[in-house]
Protein backbone atom coordinates (compact mmCIF):
# COMPACT_ATOMS: atom_id res chain seq x y z
CA MET A 1 6.15 -0.73 13.42
CA THR A 2 6.83 -4.37 13.01
CA ALA A 3 4.33 -7.11 13.44
CA ASN A 4 3.88 -8.75 16.90
CA ALA A 5 6.75 -11.22 17.02
CA SER A 6 6.34 -14.89 17.86
CA ASN A 7 8.46 -17.81 16.46
CA ALA A 8 5.62 -20.26 17.09
CA ALA A 9 3.09 -21.34 14.50
CA GLY A 10 0.54 -23.15 16.56
CA THR A 11 0.47 -26.90 17.40
CA SER A 12 1.57 -29.55 14.79
CA SER A 13 -1.98 -30.70 14.22
CA GLU A 14 -3.37 -27.28 13.32
CA ARG A 15 -3.91 -25.87 9.86
CA ALA A 16 -3.36 -22.13 9.62
CA GLY A 17 -4.98 -19.75 7.17
CA ALA A 18 -3.31 -16.72 5.67
CA LEU A 19 -5.47 -13.94 4.15
CA LEU A 20 -3.46 -11.46 2.03
CA VAL A 21 -5.60 -8.31 1.33
CA ASN A 22 -4.83 -5.67 -1.26
CA LEU A 23 -6.75 -2.71 -2.30
CA GLY A 24 -8.36 -3.93 -5.56
CA THR A 25 -8.67 -3.21 -9.17
CA PRO A 26 -11.24 -2.96 -12.01
CA ASP A 27 -11.99 -6.17 -13.79
CA SER A 28 -10.84 -4.60 -17.09
CA PRO A 29 -9.60 -1.21 -18.22
CA GLY A 30 -13.06 -0.60 -19.86
CA VAL A 31 -14.99 2.49 -18.73
CA ALA A 32 -17.96 0.48 -17.34
CA ASP A 33 -15.63 -1.72 -15.18
CA VAL A 34 -13.61 1.25 -14.01
CA ARG A 35 -16.79 3.13 -13.10
CA ARG A 36 -18.02 0.07 -11.16
CA TYR A 37 -14.79 -0.12 -9.29
CA LEU A 38 -14.68 3.53 -8.48
CA ARG A 39 -18.22 3.58 -7.24
CA GLN A 40 -17.41 0.73 -4.75
CA PHE A 41 -14.06 2.27 -3.75
CA LEU A 42 -15.28 5.74 -3.23
CA SER A 43 -18.54 4.82 -1.51
CA ASP A 44 -16.47 3.55 1.38
CA PRO A 45 -16.94 6.07 4.26
CA ARG A 46 -13.39 5.35 5.46
CA VAL A 47 -12.09 6.47 1.97
CA LEU A 48 -14.34 9.61 1.54
CA ASP A 49 -14.85 10.36 5.19
CA MET A 50 -17.54 12.90 4.96
CA GLN A 51 -21.29 13.37 5.59
CA PRO A 52 -23.17 10.66 3.49
CA ILE A 53 -25.07 13.22 1.46
CA LEU A 54 -21.94 15.10 0.61
CA ARG A 55 -20.18 11.87 -0.38
CA TRP A 56 -23.07 10.90 -2.57
CA LEU A 57 -23.10 14.30 -4.31
CA LEU A 58 -19.31 14.29 -4.73
CA LEU A 59 -19.35 10.75 -6.17
CA ASN A 60 -22.33 11.01 -8.39
CA ALA A 61 -22.19 14.60 -9.55
CA VAL A 62 -18.44 15.29 -9.72
CA ILE A 63 -16.38 12.06 -9.84
CA LEU A 64 -18.32 9.35 -11.68
CA PRO A 65 -19.59 11.46 -14.62
CA PHE A 66 -15.95 12.33 -15.60
CA ARG A 67 -13.24 10.32 -13.90
CA PRO A 68 -13.97 6.82 -15.16
CA LYS A 69 -13.07 7.66 -18.74
CA ARG A 70 -9.81 9.32 -17.71
CA SER A 71 -8.89 6.44 -15.32
CA ALA A 72 -9.75 3.83 -17.92
CA ALA A 73 -7.27 5.41 -20.39
CA ALA A 74 -4.61 5.33 -17.65
CA TYR A 75 -5.45 1.72 -16.74
CA SER A 76 -5.26 0.69 -20.35
CA LYS A 77 -1.55 1.87 -20.45
CA VAL A 78 -0.45 -0.43 -17.63
CA TRP A 79 -2.75 -3.45 -18.15
CA MET A 80 -0.85 -6.73 -18.58
CA ALA A 81 -1.73 -9.62 -20.82
CA GLU A 82 -2.75 -11.60 -17.60
CA GLY A 83 -4.85 -8.74 -16.24
CA SER A 84 -4.38 -5.91 -13.77
CA PRO A 85 -0.78 -5.50 -12.61
CA LEU A 86 -1.84 -5.34 -8.95
CA LEU A 87 -3.95 -8.43 -9.25
CA VAL A 88 -1.30 -10.40 -11.15
CA HIS A 89 1.48 -9.53 -8.70
CA THR A 90 -0.66 -10.23 -5.66
CA ARG A 91 -1.71 -13.61 -7.01
CA ASN A 92 1.88 -14.45 -7.75
CA LEU A 93 2.81 -13.39 -4.29
CA GLY A 94 0.14 -15.65 -2.83
CA THR A 95 1.50 -18.62 -4.85
CA GLU A 96 5.13 -18.01 -3.71
CA VAL A 97 4.17 -17.60 -0.10
CA ALA A 98 2.07 -20.71 -0.12
CA ALA A 99 5.00 -22.71 -1.43
CA LEU A 100 7.26 -21.30 1.34
CA LEU A 101 4.77 -21.90 4.16
CA GLY A 102 4.02 -25.51 3.15
CA ASP A 103 1.01 -27.84 3.56
CA ARG A 104 0.06 -26.72 7.11
CA TRP A 105 -1.02 -23.36 5.63
CA GLU A 106 -3.77 -22.32 3.36
CA VAL A 107 -3.11 -18.97 1.62
CA ALA A 108 -5.84 -16.85 -0.03
CA ILE A 109 -5.89 -13.41 -1.42
CA GLY A 110 -8.75 -10.94 -1.38
CA MET A 111 -9.28 -7.49 -2.72
CA ARG A 112 -11.09 -4.81 -0.54
CA TYR A 113 -12.80 -3.64 -3.66
CA GLY A 114 -13.33 -5.73 -6.80
CA SER A 115 -12.49 -9.34 -7.40
CA PRO A 116 -11.47 -11.71 -5.88
CA SER A 117 -13.42 -10.43 -2.84
CA ILE A 118 -12.50 -10.73 0.76
CA ARG A 119 -15.58 -12.86 1.17
CA SER A 120 -14.48 -15.35 -1.51
CA ALA A 121 -11.05 -15.61 0.10
CA ILE A 122 -12.50 -16.30 3.53
CA GLU A 123 -14.76 -18.95 1.90
CA GLN A 124 -11.68 -20.61 0.51
CA LEU A 125 -9.98 -20.66 3.91
CA ALA A 126 -13.11 -21.99 5.54
CA ALA A 127 -13.37 -24.79 2.95
CA ALA A 128 -9.80 -25.71 3.88
CA ASN A 129 -10.85 -26.05 7.54
CA VAL A 130 -8.29 -23.71 8.93
CA ASP A 131 -7.99 -23.60 12.73
CA ARG A 132 -6.51 -20.09 12.95
CA LEU A 133 -6.34 -17.09 10.58
CA VAL A 134 -3.66 -14.54 10.04
CA VAL A 135 -4.91 -11.43 8.20
CA LEU A 136 -2.06 -9.37 6.51
CA PRO A 137 -3.30 -6.26 4.67
CA LEU A 138 -0.54 -5.62 2.13
CA PHE A 139 -0.22 -1.92 3.16
CA PRO A 140 3.07 -1.24 5.02
CA GLN A 141 1.88 1.87 6.82
CA TYR A 142 -1.36 1.86 8.67
CA SER A 143 -4.22 4.09 7.49
CA GLU A 144 -7.91 3.93 8.36
CA ALA A 145 -8.67 4.41 4.67
CA ALA A 146 -6.80 1.27 3.60
CA THR A 147 -5.85 -1.03 6.41
CA GLY A 148 -8.75 -0.02 8.72
CA SER A 149 -11.21 -0.55 5.94
CA ALA A 150 -9.73 -3.87 4.95
CA LEU A 151 -9.86 -5.23 8.55
CA ALA A 152 -13.42 -3.97 9.03
CA GLU A 153 -14.51 -5.85 5.90
CA VAL A 154 -12.77 -8.97 7.14
CA ASP A 155 -14.70 -8.78 10.45
CA VAL A 156 -17.97 -8.23 8.52
CA GLN A 157 -17.52 -11.31 6.24
CA LEU A 158 -16.30 -13.41 9.12
CA ARG A 159 -19.59 -12.68 10.93
CA ASN A 160 -21.70 -13.09 7.77
CA LEU A 161 -20.19 -16.49 7.14
CA LYS A 162 -20.29 -17.46 10.75
CA ILE A 163 -16.55 -18.26 10.85
CA ASP A 164 -15.44 -18.74 14.45
CA VAL A 165 -11.66 -19.18 14.57
CA PRO A 166 -8.91 -17.24 16.31
CA VAL A 167 -7.99 -14.27 14.11
CA HIS A 168 -4.61 -12.46 14.32
CA THR A 169 -4.09 -9.31 12.33
CA ILE A 170 -0.81 -7.59 11.27
CA ARG A 171 -1.81 -3.91 11.19
CA SER A 172 1.46 -2.50 9.77
CA PHE A 173 5.04 -3.42 8.86
CA CYS A 174 6.38 0.00 7.98
CA ASP A 175 9.97 -0.81 9.24
CA ASP A 176 9.74 -4.63 9.27
CA ALA A 177 13.19 -6.01 8.33
CA GLY A 178 11.92 -8.25 5.62
CA PHE A 179 9.93 -5.42 3.94
CA ILE A 180 12.80 -2.91 4.26
CA GLY A 181 15.33 -5.45 2.98
CA SER A 182 13.07 -6.22 -0.03
CA VAL A 183 12.70 -2.65 -1.06
CA ALA A 184 16.27 -1.74 -0.30
CA GLU A 185 17.41 -4.63 -2.52
CA LEU A 186 15.31 -3.29 -5.48
CA MET A 187 16.54 0.23 -4.79
CA ARG A 188 20.12 -0.84 -4.77
CA GLU A 189 19.73 -2.82 -8.09
CA THR A 190 17.98 0.09 -9.83
CA SER A 191 20.31 2.69 -8.46
CA ASP A 192 23.47 0.78 -9.53
CA ALA A 193 22.14 0.65 -13.04
CA PHE A 194 20.84 4.22 -13.13
CA GLU A 195 23.23 6.18 -10.84
CA PRO A 196 20.82 8.79 -9.72
CA ASP A 197 21.62 12.29 -8.37
CA TYR A 198 18.73 12.14 -5.94
CA THR A 199 16.23 9.77 -4.45
CA LEU A 200 12.57 10.59 -3.78
CA PHE A 201 10.37 8.45 -1.61
CA SER A 202 6.79 8.96 -2.87
CA TYR A 203 3.91 7.66 -0.77
CA HIS A 204 0.26 7.62 -1.38
CA GLY A 205 -1.43 10.68 -0.03
CA LEU A 206 -4.26 11.11 2.51
CA PRO A 207 -6.41 14.03 3.48
CA GLU A 208 -5.06 16.04 6.39
CA ARG A 209 -8.26 15.47 8.30
CA GLN A 210 -7.59 11.75 8.40
CA ILE A 211 -4.30 12.27 10.00
CA ARG A 212 -5.70 14.75 12.46
CA THR A 213 -8.61 12.54 13.34
CA GLY A 214 -6.23 9.80 14.52
CA ASP A 215 -4.40 12.10 16.98
CA PRO A 216 -6.14 11.82 20.42
CA THR A 217 -4.23 14.82 21.69
CA SER A 218 -5.29 17.24 18.81
CA ALA A 219 -1.99 18.92 19.41
CA HIS A 220 0.72 16.78 17.74
CA CYS A 221 -0.07 15.53 14.20
CA LEU A 222 0.35 18.29 11.64
CA GLU A 223 0.56 20.82 14.57
CA LEU A 224 4.15 20.54 15.66
CA PRO A 225 7.16 21.19 13.31
CA GLY A 226 8.79 17.82 12.63
CA CYS A 227 5.90 15.98 14.22
CA CYS A 228 6.55 12.91 12.05
CA ASP A 229 10.24 12.83 12.94
CA VAL A 230 9.51 11.98 16.59
CA ARG A 231 10.26 8.32 17.13
CA ASP A 232 8.35 8.07 20.51
CA ARG A 233 5.29 9.82 19.05
CA PRO A 234 1.92 9.81 20.86
CA VAL A 235 0.16 8.46 17.79
CA PRO A 236 1.83 5.15 16.94
CA GLU A 237 -0.38 4.46 14.04
CA CYS A 238 -0.10 7.83 12.30
CA TYR A 239 0.17 7.08 8.55
CA ARG A 240 2.48 10.02 7.76
CA ALA A 241 4.81 9.28 10.59
CA GLN A 242 4.99 5.62 9.52
CA CYS A 243 5.85 6.69 6.00
CA PHE A 244 8.80 8.75 7.39
CA ALA A 245 9.75 5.79 9.51
CA THR A 246 9.95 3.62 6.32
CA SER A 247 12.14 6.25 4.65
CA ARG A 248 14.47 6.50 7.66
CA ALA A 249 14.90 2.67 7.66
CA LEU A 250 15.62 2.52 3.94
CA ALA A 251 18.04 5.46 4.07
CA SER A 252 19.84 3.85 6.97
CA VAL A 253 20.21 0.47 5.22
CA LEU A 254 21.38 2.06 2.03
CA GLU A 255 23.44 4.81 3.75
CA LEU A 256 21.85 7.49 1.63
CA ASP A 257 23.25 11.00 1.81
CA PRO A 258 20.79 13.06 3.99
CA ASP A 259 20.90 15.83 1.46
CA ARG A 260 20.12 13.69 -1.46
CA HIS A 261 16.83 12.16 -0.50
CA SER A 262 13.42 13.30 0.70
CA ASN A 263 9.70 12.36 1.09
CA SER A 264 6.45 13.29 -0.83
CA PHE A 265 2.93 12.26 -1.29
CA GLN A 266 1.10 11.48 -4.59
CA SER A 267 -2.44 10.88 -5.84
CA ARG A 268 -4.38 13.52 -4.11
CA LEU A 269 -8.13 14.08 -4.82
CA GLY A 270 -10.38 17.04 -4.52
CA ARG A 271 -9.84 20.45 -3.00
CA THR A 272 -9.54 19.57 0.73
CA PRO A 273 -6.02 19.86 2.15
CA TRP A 274 -3.94 16.69 1.70
CA ILE A 275 -0.63 15.82 3.52
CA GLN A 276 2.43 17.45 1.97
CA PRO A 277 4.80 17.87 0.31
CA PHE A 278 3.20 16.87 -2.99
CA THR A 279 5.23 14.61 -5.34
CA ASP A 280 4.59 16.70 -8.46
CA VAL A 281 5.50 19.97 -6.73
CA VAL A 282 8.71 18.37 -5.24
CA ILE A 283 9.63 17.25 -8.74
CA GLU A 284 9.47 20.78 -9.96
CA ASP A 285 11.62 22.03 -7.04
CA LEU A 286 14.26 19.35 -7.61
CA ALA A 287 14.45 20.19 -11.30
CA ALA A 288 14.86 23.89 -10.42
CA LYS A 289 17.73 23.04 -8.07
CA GLY A 290 19.61 21.24 -10.84
CA VAL A 291 19.00 17.57 -10.09
CA ARG A 292 19.26 15.68 -13.43
CA ARG A 293 18.77 12.04 -12.68
CA LEU A 294 15.95 11.24 -10.24
CA LEU A 295 15.18 7.86 -8.66
CA VAL A 296 11.70 7.53 -7.33
CA VAL A 297 10.58 4.72 -5.00
CA CYS A 298 7.00 4.21 -3.83
CA PRO A 299 7.21 2.28 -0.48
CA SER A 300 3.53 2.42 0.30
CA PHE A 301 2.85 -0.07 -2.53
CA THR A 302 3.99 -3.68 -2.22
CA ALA A 303 2.65 -4.47 -5.71
CA ASP A 304 3.04 -2.39 -8.91
CA CYS A 305 -0.26 -0.80 -10.06
CA HIS A 306 -1.76 2.20 -11.72
CA GLU A 307 -0.14 4.58 -9.17
CA THR A 308 3.39 3.18 -9.58
CA VAL A 309 3.51 2.31 -13.23
CA GLU A 310 1.42 5.07 -14.81
CA GLU A 311 1.42 7.89 -12.27
CA ILE A 312 5.13 7.68 -11.49
CA GLY A 313 6.73 5.54 -14.25
CA ASN A 314 4.95 7.46 -17.09
CA ARG A 315 3.43 10.71 -16.06
CA ALA A 316 6.05 11.80 -13.49
CA ARG A 317 8.73 10.76 -15.95
CA GLU A 318 7.13 12.98 -18.65
CA GLN A 319 6.88 15.86 -16.18
CA TRP A 320 10.55 15.48 -15.23
CA ARG A 321 11.71 15.51 -18.81
CA SER A 322 9.49 18.53 -19.63
CA LEU A 323 11.36 20.43 -16.79
CA GLY A 324 14.70 19.71 -18.33
CA GLY A 325 15.61 16.62 -16.22
CA GLU A 326 17.71 14.03 -17.88
CA ASP A 327 15.79 11.03 -16.79
CA LEU A 328 13.51 9.71 -13.96
CA VAL A 329 13.45 5.97 -13.12
CA ALA A 330 10.77 4.33 -10.93
CA VAL A 331 12.00 1.49 -8.61
CA PRO A 332 9.74 -1.56 -9.02
CA ALA A 333 7.58 -2.58 -6.16
CA PRO A 334 8.45 -5.81 -4.30
CA ASN A 335 5.70 -7.67 -6.06
CA ALA A 336 6.44 -11.35 -5.73
CA THR A 337 10.30 -11.22 -5.56
CA ALA A 338 11.98 -14.08 -3.67
CA ARG A 339 13.08 -11.77 -0.88
CA TRP A 340 9.63 -10.20 -0.41
CA SER A 341 7.85 -13.59 -0.52
CA SER A 342 10.04 -14.82 2.14
CA GLY A 343 9.45 -11.59 4.13
CA VAL A 344 5.68 -12.13 3.92
CA ALA A 345 5.96 -15.77 5.03
CA THR A 346 8.03 -14.62 8.04
CA LEU A 347 5.46 -11.96 8.82
CA LEU A 348 2.60 -14.54 8.77
CA ARG A 349 4.54 -16.98 10.89
CA SER A 350 5.34 -14.25 13.41
CA GLY A 351 1.77 -13.11 13.41
CA LEU A 352 0.52 -16.45 14.65
CA PRO A 353 1.00 -16.72 18.44
CA ALA A 354 1.46 -20.10 20.09
CA GLY A 355 -1.35 -21.79 21.83
């Protein structure tokens, strides 16, 4: 689903604001900062969508007593000299996009959880006296847990700060040409150097209930075989279907062999059913089938982070080698590459209608 297209960018006297939103990160890989981040993240009812008392019990009795220490160890493995990879890459992207858009735009970045906050980003845009605002959550595929939560927080902070300007949102860009071209370029470069036997598209997972909740028919999503392969689907903002649409677009651009690529989902939490197939299980199956050199790309992430660098680049690679695979290589996220920066600038311009 591409952004609503328009080549206009308002009148010549207007100043536009661009708000780039990413998920967020702890302030440091220390246990206390990781615990603080996880508490904010997992207290969001759109993330843990369950009864408040059950969410409180799960968070305070099961997750927070144990997970922060493990997560802190994982974060410490990927932390950069400048800070969290996700924050570093998102800041760099904001800088590059601002240069491309020019003086008529003010670009700010905000994290749904952690710092810099969405509120601080909106305050920056308000101080620049923007006349219009384009909000781009940096999540290619729409989900209520990520995109929906980010847009809801933007609405809350706009009301709290009494900001009254036209706001235009880009809800997804799963098969946008700029995004697909950026990922395909990185895949091609990595593949040319690595020469893989197989390509695995690994997306962030979601609980099945979140997919089913978004289906007004209650008879399509996860109910029909191949439900996510239907192009004219009755649930246009189905996260799983949009993931599949991203894979189809990338496979088409790169002319991938249909028998040498597939989709999977990573990062599941808890015992409730999550969307399948699971990345770690698919890795086992591919090794058993004799695949030796595995290329993994994570197209639900536009910036490298814990999930791409540590979970796939480190842990999945160790798993692959323990299963007898020769090597596993993770494709970098678009981060702040020239092509993706240009793609984001185009998305922002197209998201700003005339008038």
